[in-house]
């Protein structure tokens, strides 16, 4: 079975997800965002995760696992 195309697609999809999660994270963490007003506790957990693990690690985890790092706010959906 030829897997080269599948591997190429997987790499593209991973990069794309990381870019999308990074953009959404930037939006959510701005002080004026709807998420920071509506889901204060969730955003606080997100900020704590970033402090503990680092921004890149949190982005990687969310992008590759589909997890939302316990952030369940409208801005993430």
PDB file of N, CA and C in Angstrom:
ATOM      1  N   UNK A   1       0.833  -1.180   0.000  1.00  0.00           N
ATOM      2  CA  UNK A   1       0.000   0.000   0.000  1.00  0.00           C
ATOM      3  C   UNK A   1       0.881   1.248   0.000  1.00  0.00           C
ATOM      4  N   UNK A   2       0.558   2.179  -0.856  1.00  0.00           N
ATOM      5  CA  UNK A   2       1.306   3.434  -0.974  1.00  0.00           C
ATOM      6  C   UNK A   2       0.843   4.403   0.121  1.00  0.00           C
ATOM      7  N   UNK A   3       1.762   4.822   0.971  1.00  0.00           N
ATOM      8  CA  UNK A   3       1.387   5.696   2.092  1.00  0.00           C
ATOM      9  C   UNK A   3       1.984   7.090   1.982  1.00  0.00           C
ATOM     10  N   UNK A   4       2.725   7.372   0.943  1.00  0.00           N
ATOM     11  CA  UNK A   4       3.389   8.672   0.808  1.00  0.00           C
ATOM     12  C   UNK A   4       2.382   9.814   0.763  1.00  0.00           C
ATOM     13  N   UNK A   5       1.307   9.634   0.006  1.00  0.00           N
ATOM     14  CA  UNK A   5       0.294  10.690  -0.086  1.00  0.00           C
ATOM     15  C   UNK A   5      -0.407  10.899   1.251  1.00  0.00           C
ATOM     16  N   UNK A   6      -0.661   9.826   1.949  1.00  0.00           N
ATOM     17  CA  UNK A   6      -1.300   9.913   3.262  1.00  0.00           C
ATOM     18  C   UNK A   6      -0.397  10.638   4.261  1.00  0.00           C
ATOM     19  N   UNK A   7       0.881  10.326   4.236  1.00  0.00           N
ATOM     20  CA  UNK A   7       1.837  11.002   5.123  1.00  0.00           C
ATOM     21  C   UNK A   7       1.913  12.493   4.818  1.00  0.00           C
ATOM     22  N   UNK A   8       1.937  12.809   3.533  1.00  0.00           N
ATOM     23  CA  UNK A   8       1.989  14.212   3.120  1.00  0.00           C
ATOM     24  C   UNK A   8       0.747  14.958   3.589  1.00  0.00           C
ATOM     25  N   UNK A   9      -0.421  14.326   3.424  1.00  0.00           N
ATOM     26  CA  UNK A   9      -1.660  14.939   3.877  1.00  0.00           C
ATOM     27  C   UNK A   9      -1.657  15.125   5.393  1.00  0.00           C
ATOM     28  N   UNK A  10      -1.202  14.130   6.129  1.00  0.00           N
ATOM     29  CA  UNK A  10      -1.163  14.213   7.592  1.00  0.00           C
ATOM     30  C   UNK A  10      -0.276  15.366   8.047  1.00  0.00           C
ATOM     31  N   UNK A  11       0.852  15.549   7.394  1.00  0.00           N
ATOM     32  CA  UNK A  11       1.749  16.659   7.746  1.00  0.00           C
ATOM     33  C   UNK A  11       1.085  17.997   7.455  1.00  0.00           C
ATOM     34  N   UNK A  12       0.421  18.099   6.306  1.00  0.00           N
ATOM     35  CA  UNK A  12      -0.293  19.327   5.954  1.00  0.00           C
ATOM     36  C   UNK A  12      -1.411  19.609   6.959  1.00  0.00           C
ATOM     37  N   UNK A  13      -2.177  18.584   7.288  1.00  0.00           N
ATOM     38  CA  UNK A  13      -3.297  18.751   8.213  1.00  0.00           C
ATOM     39  C   UNK A  13      -2.805  19.196   9.589  1.00  0.00           C
ATOM     40  N   UNK A  14      -1.713  18.622  10.057  1.00  0.00           N
ATOM     41  CA  UNK A  14      -1.153  18.993  11.354  1.00  0.00           C
ATOM     42  C   UNK A  14      -0.718  20.449  11.351  1.00  0.00           C
ATOM     43  N   UNK A  15       0.004  20.869  10.318  1.00  0.00           N
ATOM     44  CA  UNK A  15       0.442  22.275  10.229  1.00  0.00           C
ATOM     45  C   UNK A  15      -0.749  23.220  10.173  1.00  0.00           C
ATOM     46  N   UNK A  16      -1.750  22.829   9.405  1.00  0.00           N
ATOM     47  CA  UNK A  16      -2.947  23.652   9.270  1.00  0.00           C
ATOM     48  C   UNK A  16      -3.677  23.789  10.608  1.00  0.00           C
ATOM     49  N   UNK A  17      -3.827  22.693  11.318  1.00  0.00           N
ATOM     50  CA  UNK A  17      -4.484  22.738  12.626  1.00  0.00           C
ATOM     51  C   UNK A  17      -3.701  23.599  13.618  1.00  0.00           C
ATOM     52  N   UNK A  18      -2.397  23.480  13.609  1.00  0.00           N
ATOM     53  CA  UNK A  18      -1.567  24.278  14.513  1.00  0.00           C
ATOM     54  C   UNK A  18      -1.742  25.765  14.206  1.00  0.00           C
ATOM     55  N   UNK A  19      -1.779  26.125  12.935  1.00  0.00           N
ATOM     56  CA  UNK A  19      -1.994  27.519  12.556  1.00  0.00           C
ATOM     57  C   UNK A  19      -3.362  28.013  13.014  1.00  0.00           C
ATOM     58  N   UNK A  20      -4.381  27.192  12.837  1.00  0.00           N
ATOM     59  CA  UNK A  20      -5.736  27.576  13.223  1.00  0.00           C
ATOM     60  C   UNK A  20      -5.869  27.716  14.739  1.00  0.00           C
ATOM     61  N   UNK A  21      -5.287  26.789  15.469  1.00  0.00           N
ATOM     62  CA  UNK A  21      -5.346  26.854  16.933  1.00  0.00           C
ATOM     63  C   UNK A  21      -4.574  28.069  17.436  1.00  0.00           C
ATOM     64  N   UNK A  22      -3.436  28.363  16.828  1.00  0.00           N
ATOM     65  CA  UNK A  22      -2.653  29.541  17.224  1.00  0.00           C
ATOM     66  C   UNK A  22      -3.446  30.822  17.020  1.00  0.00           C
ATOM     67  N   UNK A  23      -4.123  30.921  15.888  1.00  0.00           N
ATOM     68  CA  UNK A  23      -4.924  32.110  15.601  1.00  0.00           C
ATOM     69  C   UNK A  23      -6.079  32.241  16.589  1.00  0.00           C
ATOM     70  N   UNK A  24      -6.742  31.137  16.875  1.00  0.00           N
ATOM     71  CA  UNK A  24      -7.875  31.165  17.809  1.00  0.00           C
ATOM     72  C   UNK A  24      -7.391  31.497  19.217  1.00  0.00           C
ATOM     73  N   UNK A  25      -6.252  30.959  19.608  1.00  0.00           N
ATOM     74  CA  UNK A  25      -5.695  31.245  20.929  1.00  0.00           C
ATOM     75  C   UNK A  25      -5.389  32.729  21.075  1.00  0.00           C
ATOM     76  N   UNK A  26      -4.797  33.301  20.051  1.00  0.00           N
ATOM     77  CA  UNK A  26      -4.490  34.727  20.072  1.00  0.00           C
ATOM     78  C   UNK A  26      -5.768  35.544  20.255  1.00  0.00           C
ATOM     79  N   UNK A  27      -6.816  35.152  19.547  1.00  0.00           N
ATOM     80  CA  UNK A  27      -8.095  35.843  19.639  1.00  0.00           C
ATOM     81  C   UNK A  27      -8.714  35.695  21.034  1.00  0.00           C
ATOM     82  N   UNK A  28      -8.704  34.499  21.564  1.00  0.00           N
ATOM     83  CA  UNK A  28      -9.321  34.227  22.868  1.00  0.00           C
ATOM     84  C   UNK A  28      -8.598  34.943  23.998  1.00  0.00           C
ATOM     85  N   UNK A  29      -7.287  35.058  23.893  1.00  0.00           N
ATOM     86  CA  UNK A  29      -6.517  35.642  24.992  1.00  0.00           C
ATOM     87  C   UNK A  29      -6.500  37.166  25.009  1.00  0.00           C
ATOM     88  N   UNK A  30      -7.078  37.808  24.014  1.00  0.00           N
ATOM     89  CA  UNK A  30      -7.148  39.260  24.061  1.00  0.00           C
ATOM     90  C   UNK A  30      -8.158  39.671  25.130  1.00  0.00           C
ATOM     91  N   UNK A  31      -7.875  40.756  25.808  1.00  0.00           N
ATOM     92  CA  UNK A  31      -8.716  41.192  26.927  1.00  0.00           C
ATOM     93  C   UNK A  31     -10.137  41.507  26.499  1.00  0.00           C
ATOM     94  N   UNK A  32     -10.320  41.976  25.282  1.00  0.00           N
ATOM     95  CA  UNK A  32     -11.643  42.385  24.816  1.00  0.00           C
ATOM     96  C   UNK A  32     -12.446  41.240  24.210  1.00  0.00           C
ATOM     97  N   UNK A  33     -11.893  40.038  24.174  1.00  0.00           N
ATOM     98  CA  UNK A  33     -12.576  38.937  23.498  1.00  0.00           C
ATOM     99  C   UNK A  33     -13.837  38.511  24.243  1.00  0.00           C
ATOM    100  N   UNK A  34     -14.770  37.986  23.488  1.00  0.00           N
ATOM    101  CA  UNK A  34     -16.003  37.481  24.085  1.00  0.00           C
ATOM    102  C   UNK A  34     -15.700  36.346  25.052  1.00  0.00           C
ATOM    103  N   UNK A  35     -14.726  35.506  24.709  1.00  0.00           N
ATOM    104  CA  UNK A  35     -14.368  34.375  25.564  1.00  0.00           C
ATOM    105  C   UNK A  35     -13.854  34.842  26.917  1.00  0.00           C
ATOM    106  N   UNK A  36     -13.046  35.896  26.931  1.00  0.00           N
ATOM    107  CA  UNK A  36     -12.507  36.364  28.207  1.00  0.00           C
ATOM    108  C   UNK A  36     -13.589  36.985  29.082  1.00  0.00           C
ATOM    109  N   UNK A  37     -14.667  37.446  28.470  1.00  0.00           N
ATOM    110  CA  UNK A  37     -15.784  38.006  29.240  1.00  0.00           C
ATOM    111  C   UNK A  37     -16.788  36.933  29.642  1.00  0.00           C
ATOM    112  N   UNK A  38     -17.042  35.990  28.755  1.00  0.00           N
ATOM    113  CA  UNK A  38     -18.084  34.996  28.987  1.00  0.00           C
ATOM    114  C   UNK A  38     -17.609  33.752  29.731  1.00  0.00           C
ATOM    115  N   UNK A  39     -16.369  33.390  29.557  1.00  0.00           N
ATOM    116  CA  UNK A  39     -15.834  32.155  30.154  1.00  0.00           C
ATOM    117  C   UNK A  39     -14.558  32.459  30.930  1.00  0.00           C
ATOM    118  N   UNK A  40     -14.705  33.262  31.939  1.00  0.00           N
ATOM    119  CA  UNK A  40     -13.549  33.722  32.707  1.00  0.00           C
ATOM    120  C   UNK A  40     -12.764  32.546  33.278  1.00  0.00           C
ATOM    121  N   UNK A  41     -13.450  31.587  33.881  1.00  0.00           N
ATOM    122  CA  UNK A  41     -12.776  30.444  34.496  1.00  0.00           C
ATOM    123  C   UNK A  41     -12.039  29.600  33.450  1.00  0.00           C
ATOM    124  N   UNK A  42     -12.675  29.390  32.312  1.00  0.00           N
ATOM    125  CA  UNK A  42     -12.048  28.580  31.261  1.00  0.00           C
ATOM    126  C   UNK A  42     -10.806  29.264  30.714  1.00  0.00           C
ATOM    127  N   UNK A  43     -10.882  30.562  30.505  1.00  0.00           N
ATOM    128  CA  UNK A  43      -9.724  31.296  29.991  1.00  0.00           C
ATOM    129  C   UNK A  43      -8.611  31.294  31.028  1.00  0.00           C
ATOM    130  N   UNK A  44      -8.982  31.383  32.293  1.00  0.00           N
ATOM    131  CA  UNK A  44      -7.968  31.334  33.361  1.00  0.00           C
ATOM    132  C   UNK A  44      -7.246  29.980  33.353  1.00  0.00           C
ATOM    133  N   UNK A  45      -8.011  28.882  33.172  1.00  0.00           N
ATOM    134  CA  UNK A  45      -7.389  27.551  33.079  1.00  0.00           C
ATOM    135  C   UNK A  45      -6.454  27.470  31.879  1.00  0.00           C
ATOM    136  N   UNK A  46      -6.864  28.060  30.788  1.00  0.00           N
ATOM    137  CA  UNK A  46      -6.030  28.082  29.588  1.00  0.00           C
ATOM    138  C   UNK A  46      -4.732  28.837  29.852  1.00  0.00           C
ATOM    139  N   UNK A  47      -4.845  29.986  30.486  1.00  0.00           N
ATOM    140  CA  UNK A  47      -3.646  30.771  30.807  1.00  0.00           C
ATOM    141  C   UNK A  47      -2.726  30.014  31.755  1.00  0.00           C
ATOM    142  N   UNK A  48      -3.309  29.293  32.728  1.00  0.00           N
ATOM    143  CA  UNK A  48      -2.500  28.484  33.647  1.00  0.00           C
ATOM    144  C   UNK A  48      -1.783  27.363  32.893  1.00  0.00           C
ATOM    145  N   UNK A  49      -2.485  26.718  31.978  1.00  0.00           N
ATOM    146  CA  UNK A  49      -1.863  25.648  31.180  1.00  0.00           C
ATOM    147  C   UNK A  49      -0.699  26.201  30.365  1.00  0.00           C
ATOM    148  N   UNK A  50      -0.870  27.396  29.828  1.00  0.00           N
ATOM    149  CA  UNK A  50       0.207  28.023  29.051  1.00  0.00           C
ATOM    150  C   UNK A  50       1.393  28.324  29.937  1.00  0.00           C
ATOM    151  N   UNK A  51       1.141  28.804  31.150  1.00  0.00           N
ATOM    152  CA  UNK A  51       2.253  29.102  32.066  1.00  0.00           C
ATOM    153  C   UNK A  51       2.989  27.837  32.475  1.00  0.00           C
ATOM    154  N   UNK A  52       2.248  26.760  32.723  1.00  0.00           N
ATOM    155  CA  UNK A  52       2.866  25.505  33.164  1.00  0.00           C
ATOM    156  C   UNK A  52       3.593  24.781  32.043  1.00  0.00           C
ATOM    157  N   UNK A  53       2.969  24.724  30.873  1.00  0.00           N
ATOM    158  CA  UNK A  53       3.492  23.890  29.793  1.00  0.00           C
ATOM    159  C   UNK A  53       4.128  24.670  28.664  1.00  0.00           C
ATOM    160  N   UNK A  54       3.801  25.932  28.565  1.00  0.00           N
ATOM    161  CA  UNK A  54       4.288  26.733  27.452  1.00  0.00           C
ATOM    162  C   UNK A  54       3.249  26.813  26.353  1.00  0.00           C
ATOM    163  N   UNK A  55       3.235  27.943  25.684  1.00  0.00           N
ATOM    164  CA  UNK A  55       2.233  28.204  24.650  1.00  0.00           C
ATOM    165  C   UNK A  55       2.313  27.184  23.503  1.00  0.00           C
ATOM    166  N   UNK A  56       3.514  26.914  23.038  1.00  0.00           N
ATOM    167  CA  UNK A  56       3.673  25.977  21.917  1.00  0.00           C
ATOM    168  C   UNK A  56       3.177  24.577  22.270  1.00  0.00           C
ATOM    169  N   UNK A  57       3.445  24.144  23.495  1.00  0.00           N
ATOM    170  CA  UNK A  57       3.011  22.814  23.918  1.00  0.00           C
ATOM    171  C   UNK A  57       1.487  22.732  24.008  1.00  0.00           C
ATOM    172  N   UNK A  58       0.856  23.779  24.515  1.00  0.00           N
ATOM    173  CA  UNK A  58      -0.602  23.801  24.600  1.00  0.00           C
ATOM    174  C   UNK A  58      -1.207  23.792  23.199  1.00  0.00           C
ATOM    175  N   UNK A  59      -0.649  24.593  22.320  1.00  0.00           N
ATOM    176  CA  UNK A  59      -1.138  24.630  20.932  1.00  0.00           C
ATOM    177  C   UNK A  59      -0.990  23.257  20.293  1.00  0.00           C
ATOM    178  N   UNK A  60       0.147  22.643  20.452  1.00  0.00           N
ATOM    179  CA  UNK A  60       0.403  21.313  19.893  1.00  0.00           C
ATOM    180  C   UNK A  60      -0.610  20.303  20.435  1.00  0.00           C
ATOM    181  N   UNK A  61      -0.838  20.340  21.737  1.00  0.00           N
ATOM    182  CA  UNK A  61      -1.757  19.390  22.358  1.00  0.00           C
ATOM    183  C   UNK A  61      -3.180  19.569  21.826  1.00  0.00           C
ATOM    184  N   UNK A  62      -3.616  20.788  21.733  1.00  0.00           N
ATOM    185  CA  UNK A  62      -4.970  21.053  21.241  1.00  0.00           C
ATOM    186  C   UNK A  62      -5.083  20.656  19.776  1.00  0.00           C
ATOM    187  N   UNK A  63      -4.098  21.015  18.981  1.00  0.00           N
ATOM    188  CA  UNK A  63      -4.150  20.746  17.541  1.00  0.00           C
ATOM    189  C   UNK A  63      -4.092  19.262  17.227  1.00  0.00           C
ATOM    190  N   UNK A  64      -3.320  18.513  17.963  1.00  0.00           N
ATOM    191  CA  UNK A  64      -3.130  17.111  17.608  1.00  0.00           C
ATOM    192  C   UNK A  64      -4.075  16.164  18.324  1.00  0.00           C
ATOM    193  N   UNK A  65      -4.674  16.608  19.412  1.00  0.00           N
ATOM    194  CA  UNK A  65      -5.563  15.696  20.128  1.00  0.00           C
ATOM    195  C   UNK A  65      -7.030  16.065  20.003  1.00  0.00           C
ATOM    196  N   UNK A  66      -7.293  17.275  19.526  1.00  0.00           N
ATOM    197  CA  UNK A  66      -8.678  17.716  19.469  1.00  0.00           C
ATOM    198  C   UNK A  66      -9.166  18.213  20.809  1.00  0.00           C
ATOM    199  N   UNK A  67      -8.307  18.151  21.813  1.00  0.00           N
ATOM    200  CA  UNK A  67      -8.646  18.631  23.152  1.00  0.00           C
ATOM    201  C   UNK A  67      -8.811  20.134  23.125  1.00  0.00           C
ATOM    202  N   UNK A  68      -9.549  20.643  24.062  1.00  0.00           N
ATOM    203  CA  UNK A  68      -9.672  22.104  24.184  1.00  0.00           C
ATOM    204  C   UNK A  68      -9.088  22.573  25.504  1.00  0.00           C
ATOM    205  N   UNK A  69      -8.227  21.764  26.106  1.00  0.00           N
ATOM    206  CA  UNK A  69      -7.561  22.106  27.357  1.00  0.00           C
ATOM    207  C   UNK A  69      -8.580  22.623  28.369  1.00  0.00           C
ATOM    208  N   UNK A  70      -9.660  21.898  28.480  1.00  0.00           N
ATOM    209  CA  UNK A  70     -10.736  22.232  29.411  1.00  0.00           C
ATOM    210  C   UNK A  70     -11.397  23.559  29.110  1.00  0.00           C
ATOM    211  N   UNK A  71     -11.155  24.111  27.942  1.00  0.00           N
ATOM    212  CA  UNK A  71     -11.801  25.358  27.572  1.00  0.00           C
ATOM    213  C   UNK A  71     -12.989  25.024  26.705  1.00  0.00           C
ATOM    214  N   UNK A  72     -14.152  25.250  27.224  1.00  0.00           N
ATOM    215  CA  UNK A  72     -15.357  24.983  26.481  1.00  0.00           C
ATOM    216  C   UNK A  72     -16.132  26.290  26.387  1.00  0.00           C
ATOM    217  N   UNK A  73     -15.668  27.133  25.495  1.00  0.00           N
ATOM    218  CA  UNK A  73     -16.348  28.405  25.329  1.00  0.00           C
ATOM    219  C   UNK A  73     -16.735  28.567  23.880  1.00  0.00           C
ATOM    220  N   UNK A  74     -17.681  29.407  23.633  1.00  0.00           N
ATOM    221  CA  UNK A  74     -18.231  29.577  22.298  1.00  0.00           C
ATOM    222  C   UNK A  74     -17.159  29.969  21.286  1.00  0.00           C
ATOM    223  N   UNK A  75     -16.147  30.693  21.705  1.00  0.00           N
ATOM    224  CA  UNK A  75     -15.127  31.153  20.778  1.00  0.00           C
ATOM    225  C   UNK A  75     -14.294  30.012  20.218  1.00  0.00           C
ATOM    226  N   UNK A  76     -14.272  28.882  20.873  1.00  0.00           N
ATOM    227  CA  UNK A  76     -13.459  27.758  20.403  1.00  0.00           C
ATOM    228  C   UNK A  76     -14.222  26.867  19.453  1.00  0.00           C
ATOM    229  N   UNK A  77     -15.513  27.031  19.351  1.00  0.00           N
ATOM    230  CA  UNK A  77     -16.275  26.114  18.502  1.00  0.00           C
ATOM    231  C   UNK A  77     -16.541  26.719  17.162  1.00  0.00           C
TER     232      UNK A  77
END
